[in-house]
Amino acid sequence: MSIVVSKEDVRTFEKLLTISQIAPIKERIRTFEKKYGYTFEEFEDRMKKEDEDFEKWDDYIEWKAYTESLRNLESKLRAIESAKDIRVS
């Protein structure tokens, strides 16, 4: 039995995989936005101006990591969507 997989199938699989990674990260970011009532950038600006608060600092580090991960995954998704030369190895 042989299975034929097209380049478009590979692209679709990679897109779905990336989207499935994006969804929970966006949810975590929304949780922080609800908790503090700010976007990450606004929260970051406030953190620079306020006295040190360990809970907020922990949230800041985690939120920043989620924000960076989201940016990276969205960049990967754009690259997948615009890829013209797909090779299967």
Protein backbone atom coordinates (compact mmCIF):
# COMPACT_ATOMS: atom_id res chain seq x y z
CA MET A 1 0.00 0.00 0.00
CA SER A 2 1.37 3.40 -0.91
CA ILE A 3 0.24 6.80 0.23
CA VAL A 4 0.66 9.86 -1.92
CA VAL A 5 1.06 13.18 -0.16
CA SER A 6 1.13 16.37 -2.16
CA LYS A 7 3.14 19.46 -1.37
CA GLU A 8 -0.15 21.24 -0.70
CA ASP A 9 -1.03 18.52 1.85
CA VAL A 10 2.29 19.18 3.59
CA ARG A 11 1.63 22.93 3.56
CA THR A 12 -1.87 22.41 4.98
CA PHE A 13 -0.55 20.09 7.69
CA GLU A 14 2.15 22.59 8.70
CA LYS A 15 -0.39 25.44 8.76
CA LEU A 16 -2.77 23.44 10.95
CA LEU A 17 0.05 22.39 13.27
CA THR A 18 1.18 25.99 13.66
CA ILE A 19 -2.38 27.26 14.19
CA SER A 20 -2.88 24.59 16.87
CA GLN A 21 0.20 25.96 18.65
CA ILE A 22 -0.99 29.56 18.32
CA ALA A 23 -4.45 29.01 19.83
CA PRO A 24 -3.42 28.18 23.44
CA ILE A 25 -0.79 30.93 23.44
CA LYS A 26 -3.40 33.51 22.42
CA GLU A 27 -5.64 32.24 25.21
CA ARG A 28 -2.88 32.68 27.80
CA ILE A 29 -2.22 36.21 26.50
CA ARG A 30 -5.95 37.00 26.79
CA THR A 31 -5.86 35.77 30.39
CA PHE A 32 -3.12 38.27 31.23
CA GLU A 33 -4.93 41.06 29.35
CA LYS A 34 -8.08 40.36 31.37
CA LYS A 35 -6.17 40.14 34.65
CA TYR A 36 -4.42 43.48 34.20
CA GLY A 37 -6.68 45.30 31.75
CA TYR A 38 -3.77 46.17 29.45
CA THR A 39 -2.02 44.92 26.35
CA PHE A 40 1.44 43.49 26.90
CA GLU A 41 3.07 46.69 25.67
CA GLU A 42 1.02 48.84 28.05
CA PHE A 43 1.77 46.46 30.93
CA GLU A 44 5.47 46.53 30.09
CA ASP A 45 5.49 50.34 30.17
CA ARG A 46 3.77 50.35 33.56
CA MET A 47 6.21 47.75 34.94
CA LYS A 48 9.10 50.10 34.16
CA LYS A 49 7.46 52.91 36.15
CA GLU A 50 6.17 50.99 39.20
CA ASP A 51 7.91 49.64 42.26
CA GLU A 52 9.00 46.03 42.07
CA ASP A 53 6.18 43.52 42.57
CA PHE A 54 7.25 39.88 42.37
CA GLU A 55 3.86 38.55 41.24
CA LYS A 56 3.67 41.11 38.45
CA TRP A 57 7.30 40.44 37.54
CA ASP A 58 6.60 36.70 37.25
CA ASP A 59 3.55 37.43 35.11
CA TYR A 60 5.59 39.86 33.01
CA ILE A 61 8.26 37.24 32.26
CA GLU A 62 5.65 34.61 31.36
CA TRP A 63 3.55 37.07 29.31
CA LYS A 64 6.64 38.27 27.46
CA ALA A 65 7.58 34.68 26.58
CA TYR A 66 4.06 34.02 25.26
CA THR A 67 4.14 37.25 23.26
CA GLU A 68 7.48 36.36 21.68
CA SER A 69 6.32 32.81 20.95
CA LEU A 70 3.18 34.17 19.30
CA ARG A 71 5.22 36.52 17.11
CA ASN A 72 7.51 33.67 16.07
CA LEU A 73 4.63 31.33 15.28
CA GLU A 74 2.75 34.01 13.33
CA SER A 75 5.93 34.66 11.34
CA LYS A 76 6.25 30.93 10.68
CA LEU A 77 2.62 30.81 9.55
CA ARG A 78 3.18 33.68 7.11
CA ALA A 79 6.25 31.89 5.76
CA ILE A 80 4.28 28.68 5.27
CA GLU A 81 1.47 30.52 3.53
CA SER A 82 3.80 32.36 1.18
CA ALA A 83 6.25 29.50 0.54
CA LYS A 84 6.76 28.95 -3.15
CA ASP A 85 9.41 26.26 -3.02
CA ILE A 86 8.29 23.34 -0.88
CA ARG A 87 10.56 20.33 -0.69
CA VAL A 88 9.77 17.07 1.02
CA SER A 89 12.75 15.16 2.30
